[in-house]
């Protein structure tokens, strides 16, 4: 199978761009912690930030996987 590493690296960069975008959305759309605490919605606020950071972590891991897959040599050829 002929792999084009440029396609894999470009897709890894695109996926890696998802990490800061998800954190930026969280910073823009969610209220500050003090506001959430005063409103009594601290638990949902913390859970939402956990999901945002997990999305960023998964994006970094997936980008690493895409780079590793694109750069590896085929075992059969």
PDB file of N, CA and C in Angstrom:
ATOM      1  N   UNK A   1       0.852  -1.174   0.000  1.00  0.00           N
ATOM      2  CA  UNK A   1       0.000   0.000   0.000  1.00  0.00           C
ATOM      3  C   UNK A   1       0.895   1.233   0.000  1.00  0.00           C
ATOM      4  N   UNK A   2       0.616   2.139  -0.856  1.00  0.00           N
ATOM      5  CA  UNK A   2       1.413   3.351  -0.992  1.00  0.00           C
ATOM      6  C   UNK A   2       0.814   4.446  -0.120  1.00  0.00           C
ATOM      7  N   UNK A   3       1.564   4.885   0.867  1.00  0.00           N
ATOM      8  CA  UNK A   3       1.081   5.936   1.766  1.00  0.00           C
ATOM      9  C   UNK A   3       1.744   7.268   1.390  1.00  0.00           C
ATOM     10  N   UNK A   4       0.951   8.290   1.393  1.00  0.00           N
ATOM     11  CA  UNK A   4       1.471   9.623   1.143  1.00  0.00           C
ATOM     12  C   UNK A   4       1.571  10.325   2.497  1.00  0.00           C
ATOM     13  N   UNK A   5       2.787  10.481   3.043  1.00  0.00           N
ATOM     14  CA  UNK A   5       2.904  11.061   4.385  1.00  0.00           C
ATOM     15  C   UNK A   5       2.412  12.496   4.484  1.00  0.00           C
ATOM     16  N   UNK A   6       2.403  13.222   3.392  1.00  0.00           N
ATOM     17  CA  UNK A   6       1.956  14.616   3.435  1.00  0.00           C
ATOM     18  C   UNK A   6       0.476  14.679   3.815  1.00  0.00           C
ATOM     19  N   UNK A   7      -0.332  13.790   3.260  1.00  0.00           N
ATOM     20  CA  UNK A   7      -1.763  13.773   3.579  1.00  0.00           C
ATOM     21  C   UNK A   7      -1.986  13.468   5.061  1.00  0.00           C
ATOM     22  N   UNK A   8      -1.222  12.534   5.590  1.00  0.00           N
ATOM     23  CA  UNK A   8      -1.373  12.155   6.998  1.00  0.00           C
ATOM     24  C   UNK A   8      -0.947  13.296   7.916  1.00  0.00           C
ATOM     25  N   UNK A   9       0.142  13.978   7.568  1.00  0.00           N
ATOM     26  CA  UNK A   9       0.633  15.070   8.412  1.00  0.00           C
ATOM     27  C   UNK A   9      -0.317  16.268   8.348  1.00  0.00           C
ATOM     28  N   UNK A  10      -0.852  16.556   7.176  1.00  0.00           N
ATOM     29  CA  UNK A  10      -1.813  17.660   7.051  1.00  0.00           C
ATOM     30  C   UNK A  10      -3.073  17.367   7.860  1.00  0.00           C
ATOM     31  N   UNK A  11      -3.538  16.119   7.804  1.00  0.00           N
ATOM     32  CA  UNK A  11      -4.717  15.775   8.600  1.00  0.00           C
ATOM     33  C   UNK A  11      -4.402  15.817  10.090  1.00  0.00           C
ATOM     34  N   UNK A  12      -3.176  15.460  10.477  1.00  0.00           N
ATOM     35  CA  UNK A  12      -2.788  15.548  11.885  1.00  0.00           C
ATOM     36  C   UNK A  12      -2.761  16.998  12.358  1.00  0.00           C
ATOM     37  N   UNK A  13      -2.293  17.886  11.517  1.00  0.00           N
ATOM     38  CA  UNK A  13      -2.277  19.305  11.877  1.00  0.00           C
ATOM     39  C   UNK A  13      -3.708  19.835  12.004  1.00  0.00           C
ATOM     40  N   UNK A  14      -4.592  19.389  11.109  1.00  0.00           N
ATOM     41  CA  UNK A  14      -5.992  19.814  11.184  1.00  0.00           C
ATOM     42  C   UNK A  14      -6.642  19.322  12.475  1.00  0.00           C
ATOM     43  N   UNK A  15      -6.372  18.068  12.841  1.00  0.00           N
ATOM     44  CA  UNK A  15      -6.931  17.515  14.078  1.00  0.00           C
ATOM     45  C   UNK A  15      -6.313  18.213  15.287  1.00  0.00           C
ATOM     46  N   UNK A  16      -5.037  18.518  15.212  1.00  0.00           N
ATOM     47  CA  UNK A  16      -4.364  19.202  16.316  1.00  0.00           C
ATOM     48  C   UNK A  16      -4.929  20.604  16.532  1.00  0.00           C
ATOM     49  N   UNK A  17      -5.425  21.215  15.477  1.00  0.00           N
ATOM     50  CA  UNK A  17      -6.066  22.521  15.610  1.00  0.00           C
ATOM     51  C   UNK A  17      -7.355  22.466  16.410  1.00  0.00           C
ATOM     52  N   UNK A  18      -7.911  21.275  16.557  1.00  0.00           N
ATOM     53  CA  UNK A  18      -9.143  21.119  17.324  1.00  0.00           C
ATOM     54  C   UNK A  18      -8.923  21.372  18.812  1.00  0.00           C
ATOM     55  N   UNK A  19      -7.736  21.090  19.324  1.00  0.00           N
ATOM     56  CA  UNK A  19      -7.454  21.253  20.756  1.00  0.00           C
ATOM     57  C   UNK A  19      -7.591  22.709  21.205  1.00  0.00           C
ATOM     58  N   UNK A  20      -6.872  23.657  20.606  1.00  0.00           N
ATOM     59  CA  UNK A  20      -7.047  25.037  21.072  1.00  0.00           C
ATOM     60  C   UNK A  20      -8.425  25.614  20.744  1.00  0.00           C
ATOM     61  N   UNK A  21      -9.043  25.134  19.676  1.00  0.00           N
ATOM     62  CA  UNK A  21     -10.378  25.630  19.331  1.00  0.00           C
ATOM     63  C   UNK A  21     -11.384  25.219  20.392  1.00  0.00           C
ATOM     64  N   UNK A  22     -11.295  23.972  20.873  1.00  0.00           N
ATOM     65  CA  UNK A  22     -12.241  23.532  21.899  1.00  0.00           C
ATOM     66  C   UNK A  22     -12.040  24.305  23.204  1.00  0.00           C
ATOM     67  N   UNK A  23     -10.796  24.564  23.577  1.00  0.00           N
ATOM     68  CA  UNK A  23     -10.534  25.344  24.790  1.00  0.00           C
ATOM     69  C   UNK A  23     -10.995  26.787  24.606  1.00  0.00           C
ATOM     70  N   UNK A  24     -10.785  27.331  23.426  1.00  0.00           N
ATOM     71  CA  UNK A  24     -11.230  28.700  23.149  1.00  0.00           C
ATOM     72  C   UNK A  24     -12.752  28.811  23.220  1.00  0.00           C
ATOM     73  N   UNK A  25     -13.458  27.832  22.670  1.00  0.00           N
ATOM     74  CA  UNK A  25     -14.918  27.825  22.784  1.00  0.00           C
ATOM     75  C   UNK A  25     -15.356  27.782  24.238  1.00  0.00           C
ATOM     76  N   UNK A  26     -14.669  26.960  25.038  1.00  0.00           N
ATOM     77  CA  UNK A  26     -15.019  26.879  26.454  1.00  0.00           C
ATOM     78  C   UNK A  26     -14.796  28.199  27.169  1.00  0.00           C
ATOM     79  N   UNK A  27     -13.690  28.859  26.872  1.00  0.00           N
ATOM     80  CA  UNK A  27     -13.396  30.135  27.511  1.00  0.00           C
ATOM     81  C   UNK A  27     -14.392  31.214  27.078  1.00  0.00           C
ATOM     82  N   UNK A  28     -14.874  31.110  25.847  1.00  0.00           N
ATOM     83  CA  UNK A  28     -15.799  32.106  25.327  1.00  0.00           C
ATOM     84  C   UNK A  28     -17.234  31.866  25.791  1.00  0.00           C
ATOM     85  N   UNK A  29     -17.665  30.615  25.770  1.00  0.00           N
ATOM     86  CA  UNK A  29     -19.077  30.317  25.996  1.00  0.00           C
ATOM     87  C   UNK A  29     -19.440  30.051  27.452  1.00  0.00           C
ATOM     88  N   UNK A  30     -18.487  29.596  28.259  1.00  0.00           N
ATOM     89  CA  UNK A  30     -18.799  29.292  29.653  1.00  0.00           C
ATOM     90  C   UNK A  30     -18.549  30.508  30.544  1.00  0.00           C
ATOM     91  N   UNK A  31     -19.349  30.643  31.583  1.00  0.00           N
ATOM     92  CA  UNK A  31     -19.102  31.752  32.512  1.00  0.00           C
ATOM     93  C   UNK A  31     -17.871  31.462  33.363  1.00  0.00           C
ATOM     94  N   UNK A  32     -17.423  32.467  34.074  1.00  0.00           N
ATOM     95  CA  UNK A  32     -16.289  32.280  34.977  1.00  0.00           C
ATOM     96  C   UNK A  32     -16.687  31.352  36.119  1.00  0.00           C
ATOM     97  N   UNK A  33     -15.684  30.779  36.768  1.00  0.00           N
ATOM     98  CA  UNK A  33     -15.954  29.847  37.859  1.00  0.00           C
ATOM     99  C   UNK A  33     -16.725  30.527  38.998  1.00  0.00           C
ATOM    100  N   UNK A  34     -16.364  31.744  39.304  1.00  0.00           N
ATOM    101  CA  UNK A  34     -17.046  32.449  40.400  1.00  0.00           C
ATOM    102  C   UNK A  34     -18.516  32.687  40.072  1.00  0.00           C
ATOM    103  N   UNK A  35     -18.812  32.977  38.825  1.00  0.00           N
ATOM    104  CA  UNK A  35     -20.205  33.177  38.418  1.00  0.00           C
ATOM    105  C   UNK A  35     -20.972  31.861  38.529  1.00  0.00           C
ATOM    106  N   UNK A  36     -20.360  30.773  38.104  1.00  0.00           N
ATOM    107  CA  UNK A  36     -21.020  29.468  38.190  1.00  0.00           C
ATOM    108  C   UNK A  36     -21.220  29.054  39.645  1.00  0.00           C
ATOM    109  N   UNK A  37     -20.257  29.394  40.482  1.00  0.00           N
ATOM    110  CA  UNK A  37     -20.377  29.045  41.899  1.00  0.00           C
ATOM    111  C   UNK A  37     -21.503  29.843  42.562  1.00  0.00           C
ATOM    112  N   UNK A  38     -21.611  31.112  42.226  1.00  0.00           N
ATOM    113  CA  UNK A  38     -22.680  31.940  42.794  1.00  0.00           C
ATOM    114  C   UNK A  38     -24.054  31.488  42.310  1.00  0.00           C
ATOM    115  N   UNK A  39     -24.124  31.006  41.077  1.00  0.00           N
ATOM    116  CA  UNK A  39     -25.402  30.560  40.522  1.00  0.00           C
ATOM    117  C   UNK A  39     -25.764  29.150  40.982  1.00  0.00           C
ATOM    118  N   UNK A  40     -24.831  28.469  41.614  1.00  0.00           N
ATOM    119  CA  UNK A  40     -25.097  27.116  42.080  1.00  0.00           C
ATOM    120  C   UNK A  40     -24.951  26.063  41.002  1.00  0.00           C
ATOM    121  N   UNK A  41     -24.220  26.388  39.946  1.00  0.00           N
ATOM    122  CA  UNK A  41     -24.029  25.451  38.839  1.00  0.00           C
ATOM    123  C   UNK A  41     -22.558  25.062  38.689  1.00  0.00           C
ATOM    124  N   UNK A  42     -21.880  24.891  39.798  1.00  0.00           N
ATOM    125  CA  UNK A  42     -20.451  24.579  39.749  1.00  0.00           C
ATOM    126  C   UNK A  42     -20.183  23.174  39.223  1.00  0.00           C
ATOM    127  N   UNK A  43     -20.986  22.201  39.619  1.00  0.00           N
ATOM    128  CA  UNK A  43     -20.757  20.822  39.178  1.00  0.00           C
ATOM    129  C   UNK A  43     -20.897  20.695  37.659  1.00  0.00           C
ATOM    130  N   UNK A  44     -21.966  21.209  37.048  1.00  0.00           N
ATOM    131  CA  UNK A  44     -22.026  21.146  35.580  1.00  0.00           C
ATOM    132  C   UNK A  44     -20.895  21.916  34.913  1.00  0.00           C
ATOM    133  N   UNK A  45     -20.470  23.008  35.520  1.00  0.00           N
ATOM    134  CA  UNK A  45     -19.362  23.796  34.978  1.00  0.00           C
ATOM    135  C   UNK A  45     -18.082  22.967  34.979  1.00  0.00           C
ATOM    136  N   UNK A  46     -17.800  22.277  36.078  1.00  0.00           N
ATOM    137  CA  UNK A  46     -16.597  21.439  36.168  1.00  0.00           C
ATOM    138  C   UNK A  46     -16.680  20.273  35.187  1.00  0.00           C
ATOM    139  N   UNK A  47     -17.837  19.652  35.073  1.00  0.00           N
ATOM    140  CA  UNK A  47     -17.999  18.541  34.135  1.00  0.00           C
ATOM    141  C   UNK A  47     -17.828  18.997  32.685  1.00  0.00           C
ATOM    142  N   UNK A  48     -18.306  20.175  32.373  1.00  0.00           N
ATOM    143  CA  UNK A  48     -18.149  20.697  31.018  1.00  0.00           C
ATOM    144  C   UNK A  48     -16.685  20.964  30.708  1.00  0.00           C
ATOM    145  N   UNK A  49     -15.951  21.537  31.670  1.00  0.00           N
ATOM    146  CA  UNK A  49     -14.524  21.757  31.450  1.00  0.00           C
ATOM    147  C   UNK A  49     -13.766  20.433  31.344  1.00  0.00           C
ATOM    148  N   UNK A  50     -14.211  19.412  32.067  1.00  0.00           N
ATOM    149  CA  UNK A  50     -13.569  18.095  31.949  1.00  0.00           C
ATOM    150  C   UNK A  50     -13.758  17.542  30.540  1.00  0.00           C
ATOM    151  N   UNK A  51     -14.939  17.716  29.979  1.00  0.00           N
ATOM    152  CA  UNK A  51     -15.190  17.250  28.619  1.00  0.00           C
ATOM    153  C   UNK A  51     -14.355  18.044  27.613  1.00  0.00           C
ATOM    154  N   UNK A  52     -14.235  19.338  27.826  1.00  0.00           N
ATOM    155  CA  UNK A  52     -13.436  20.177  26.930  1.00  0.00           C
ATOM    156  C   UNK A  52     -11.973  19.749  26.958  1.00  0.00           C
ATOM    157  N   UNK A  53     -11.410  19.532  28.134  1.00  0.00           N
ATOM    158  CA  UNK A  53     -10.004  19.126  28.227  1.00  0.00           C
ATOM    159  C   UNK A  53      -9.781  17.710  27.708  1.00  0.00           C
ATOM    160  N   UNK A  54     -10.768  16.833  27.869  1.00  0.00           N
ATOM    161  CA  UNK A  54     -10.645  15.494  27.293  1.00  0.00           C
ATOM    162  C   UNK A  54     -10.655  15.564  25.763  1.00  0.00           C
ATOM    163  N   UNK A  55     -11.457  16.456  25.202  1.00  0.00           N
ATOM    164  CA  UNK A  55     -11.469  16.644  23.755  1.00  0.00           C
ATOM    165  C   UNK A  55     -10.108  17.130  23.269  1.00  0.00           C
ATOM    166  N   UNK A  56      -9.510  18.045  23.990  1.00  0.00           N
ATOM    167  CA  UNK A  56      -8.184  18.547  23.613  1.00  0.00           C
ATOM    168  C   UNK A  56      -7.144  17.433  23.716  1.00  0.00           C
ATOM    169  N   UNK A  57      -7.205  16.628  24.763  1.00  0.00           N
ATOM    170  CA  UNK A  57      -6.256  15.527  24.936  1.00  0.00           C
ATOM    171  C   UNK A  57      -6.422  14.487  23.833  1.00  0.00           C
ATOM    172  N   UNK A  58      -7.648  14.148  23.513  1.00  0.00           N
ATOM    173  CA  UNK A  58      -7.908  13.168  22.455  1.00  0.00           C
ATOM    174  C   UNK A  58      -7.421  13.702  21.108  1.00  0.00           C
ATOM    175  N   UNK A  59      -7.568  14.984  20.857  1.00  0.00           N
ATOM    176  CA  UNK A  59      -7.086  15.572  19.606  1.00  0.00           C
ATOM    177  C   UNK A  59      -5.568  15.446  19.496  1.00  0.00           C
ATOM    178  N   UNK A  60      -4.862  15.653  20.598  1.00  0.00           N
ATOM    179  CA  UNK A  60      -3.400  15.526  20.584  1.00  0.00           C
ATOM    180  C   UNK A  60      -2.993  14.064  20.348  1.00  0.00           C
ATOM    181  N   UNK A  61      -3.665  13.150  21.014  1.00  0.00           N
ATOM    182  CA  UNK A  61      -3.353  11.726  20.837  1.00  0.00           C
ATOM    183  C   UNK A  61      -3.654  11.285  19.404  1.00  0.00           C
ATOM    184  N   UNK A  62      -4.787  11.707  18.877  1.00  0.00           N
ATOM    185  CA  UNK A  62      -5.148  11.340  17.509  1.00  0.00           C
ATOM    186  C   UNK A  62      -4.168  11.925  16.497  1.00  0.00           C
ATOM    187  N   UNK A  63      -3.718  13.140  16.711  1.00  0.00           N
ATOM    188  CA  UNK A  63      -2.730  13.738  15.816  1.00  0.00           C
ATOM    189  C   UNK A  63      -1.426  12.944  15.852  1.00  0.00           C
ATOM    190  N   UNK A  64      -1.009  12.518  17.025  1.00  0.00           N
ATOM    191  CA  UNK A  64       0.191  11.683  17.127  1.00  0.00           C
ATOM    192  C   UNK A  64       0.018  10.371  16.401  1.00  0.00           C
ATOM    193  N   UNK A  65      -1.161   9.766  16.515  1.00  0.00           N
ATOM    194  CA  UNK A  65      -1.435   8.521  15.809  1.00  0.00           C
ATOM    195  C   UNK A  65      -1.385   8.716  14.304  1.00  0.00           C
ATOM    196  N   UNK A  66      -1.960   9.803  13.816  1.00  0.00           N
ATOM    197  CA  UNK A  66      -1.963  10.065  12.375  1.00  0.00           C
ATOM    198  C   UNK A  66      -0.549  10.283  11.845  1.00  0.00           C
ATOM    199  N   UNK A  67       0.268  10.997  12.590  1.00  0.00           N
ATOM    200  CA  UNK A  67       1.655  11.209  12.169  1.00  0.00           C
ATOM    201  C   UNK A  67       2.419   9.891  12.166  1.00  0.00           C
ATOM    202  N   UNK A  68       2.234   9.090  13.220  1.00  0.00           N
ATOM    203  CA  UNK A  68       2.930   7.805  13.290  1.00  0.00           C
ATOM    204  C   UNK A  68       2.489   6.870  12.168  1.00  0.00           C
ATOM    205  N   UNK A  69       1.207   6.872  11.852  1.00  0.00           N
ATOM    206  CA  UNK A  69       0.708   6.016  10.782  1.00  0.00           C
ATOM    207  C   UNK A  69       1.225   6.472   9.426  1.00  0.00           C
ATOM    208  N   UNK A  70       1.254   7.741   9.191  1.00  0.00           N
ATOM    209  CA  UNK A  70       1.726   8.253   7.912  1.00  0.00           C
ATOM    210  C   UNK A  70       3.208   8.086   7.708  1.00  0.00           C
ATOM    211  N   UNK A  71       3.971   8.069   8.784  1.00  0.00           N
ATOM    212  CA  UNK A  71       5.436   7.985   8.653  1.00  0.00           C
ATOM    213  C   UNK A  71       5.974   6.559   8.688  1.00  0.00           C
ATOM    214  N   UNK A  72       5.153   5.595   9.086  1.00  0.00           N
ATOM    215  CA  UNK A  72       5.690   4.230   9.204  1.00  0.00           C
ATOM    216  C   UNK A  72       5.837   3.571   7.854  1.00  0.00           C
ATOM    217  N   UNK A  73       6.750   2.632   7.796  1.00  0.00           N
ATOM    218  CA  UNK A  73       6.966   1.842   6.598  1.00  0.00           C
ATOM    219  C   UNK A  73       6.025   0.647   6.632  1.00  0.00           C
ATOM    220  N   UNK A  74       5.578   0.218   5.477  1.00  0.00           N
ATOM    221  CA  UNK A  74       4.730  -0.972   5.424  1.00  0.00           C
ATOM    222  C   UNK A  74       5.549  -2.199   5.757  1.00  0.00           C
ATOM    223  N   UNK A  75       4.976  -3.090   6.513  1.00  0.00           N
ATOM    224  CA  UNK A  75       5.676  -4.312   6.898  1.00  0.00           C
ATOM    225  C   UNK A  75       5.813  -5.265   5.717  1.00  0.00           C
ATOM    226  N   UNK A  76       4.917  -5.176   4.745  1.00  0.00           N
ATOM    227  CA  UNK A  76       4.941  -6.099   3.628  1.00  0.00           C
ATOM    228  C   UNK A  76       5.757  -5.593   2.448  1.00  0.00           C
ATOM    229  N   UNK A  77       6.070  -4.349   2.420  1.00  0.00           N
ATOM    230  CA  UNK A  77       6.731  -3.883   1.214  1.00  0.00           C
ATOM    231  C   UNK A  77       7.740  -2.867   1.460  1.00  0.00           C
TER     232      UNK A  77
END
